[in-house]
Amino acid sequence: MTEDELVVEFALTRLDNPRLDLEEIAAMVVRRVGPDQVLEFAARNLAVRGELRGGAFESAVEYVHRTVLLLRDDTGD
């Protein structure tokens, strides 16, 4: 899943669940993508952070959450 696809999935999930916070939305996205993609997200998180903070699911959620926040805050400089 590309970052663009991830952001679209996140946005669609948020539209369906507007009252949830961003981390809860990220967890919903991770639950939907399946075990192979969870491991991919956890591996990406490991590559960025240099460490795993928790299990694969938690690490995948952290990756999704951080990616969305970084892209949201990107000013395009």
Protein backbone atom coordinates (compact mmCIF):
# COMPACT_ATOMS: atom_id res chain seq x y z
CA MET A 1 0.00 0.00 0.00
CA THR A 2 1.44 3.36 -1.00
CA GLU A 3 1.28 6.40 1.25
CA ASP A 4 -1.35 7.89 -1.06
CA GLU A 5 -3.51 4.78 -0.76
CA LEU A 6 -2.99 4.83 2.99
CA VAL A 7 -4.14 8.43 3.25
CA VAL A 8 -7.23 7.71 1.14
CA GLU A 9 -8.10 4.69 3.31
CA PHE A 10 -7.57 6.78 6.44
CA ALA A 11 -9.73 9.62 5.10
CA LEU A 12 -12.58 7.29 4.12
CA THR A 13 -12.45 5.59 7.51
CA ARG A 14 -12.51 8.96 9.25
CA LEU A 15 -15.52 10.06 7.22
CA ASP A 16 -17.38 6.99 8.46
CA ASN A 17 -16.24 7.56 12.08
CA PRO A 18 -15.92 11.32 12.66
CA ARG A 19 -16.09 11.12 16.46
CA LEU A 20 -13.04 8.89 16.86
CA ASP A 21 -9.58 10.34 17.47
CA LEU A 22 -6.83 9.92 14.90
CA GLU A 23 -5.11 7.02 16.67
CA GLU A 24 -8.40 5.10 16.83
CA ILE A 25 -8.90 5.71 13.10
CA ALA A 26 -5.36 4.44 12.46
CA ALA A 27 -6.14 1.28 14.45
CA MET A 28 -9.28 0.71 12.38
CA VAL A 29 -7.28 1.06 9.17
CA VAL A 30 -4.68 -1.42 10.40
CA ARG A 31 -7.38 -3.93 11.41
CA ARG A 32 -8.82 -3.78 7.89
CA VAL A 33 -5.63 -4.28 5.87
CA GLY A 34 -4.80 -7.84 6.87
CA PRO A 35 -1.81 -9.51 8.49
CA ASP A 36 0.66 -9.09 5.62
CA GLN A 37 0.10 -5.35 5.47
CA VAL A 38 0.29 -5.07 9.27
CA LEU A 39 3.77 -6.58 9.10
CA GLU A 40 4.68 -4.22 6.24
CA PHE A 41 3.58 -1.20 8.26
CA ALA A 42 5.46 -2.47 11.33
CA ALA A 43 8.58 -2.95 9.19
CA ARG A 44 8.25 0.59 7.83
CA ASN A 45 7.90 1.88 11.37
CA LEU A 46 11.02 -0.04 12.39
CA ALA A 47 12.92 1.46 9.45
CA VAL A 48 11.88 4.99 10.43
CA ARG A 49 12.27 4.69 14.21
CA GLY A 50 15.07 2.15 14.41
CA GLU A 51 13.10 0.22 17.04
CA LEU A 52 9.79 -1.53 17.56
CA ARG A 53 7.67 -0.04 20.29
CA GLY A 54 5.29 -2.84 21.19
CA GLY A 55 3.95 -5.62 19.03
CA ALA A 56 3.50 -5.61 15.28
CA PHE A 57 -0.10 -4.33 15.46
CA GLU A 58 0.79 -1.43 17.76
CA SER A 59 3.81 -0.57 15.64
CA ALA A 60 1.67 -0.63 12.49
CA VAL A 61 -0.88 1.69 14.11
CA GLU A 62 1.92 4.04 15.11
CA TYR A 63 3.21 4.06 11.52
CA VAL A 64 -0.22 4.85 10.05
CA HIS A 65 -0.90 7.55 12.63
CA ARG A 66 2.51 9.20 12.22
CA THR A 67 2.37 9.02 8.41
CA VAL A 68 -1.01 10.75 8.29
CA LEU A 69 0.13 13.44 10.72
CA LEU A 70 3.36 14.06 8.79
CA LEU A 71 1.54 14.34 5.47
CA ARG A 72 -1.11 16.56 7.00
CA ASP A 73 1.50 18.89 8.45
CA ASP A 74 3.64 18.91 5.29
CA THR A 75 3.60 22.43 3.87
CA GLY A 76 5.17 21.42 0.57
CA ASP A 77 8.32 23.50 1.13
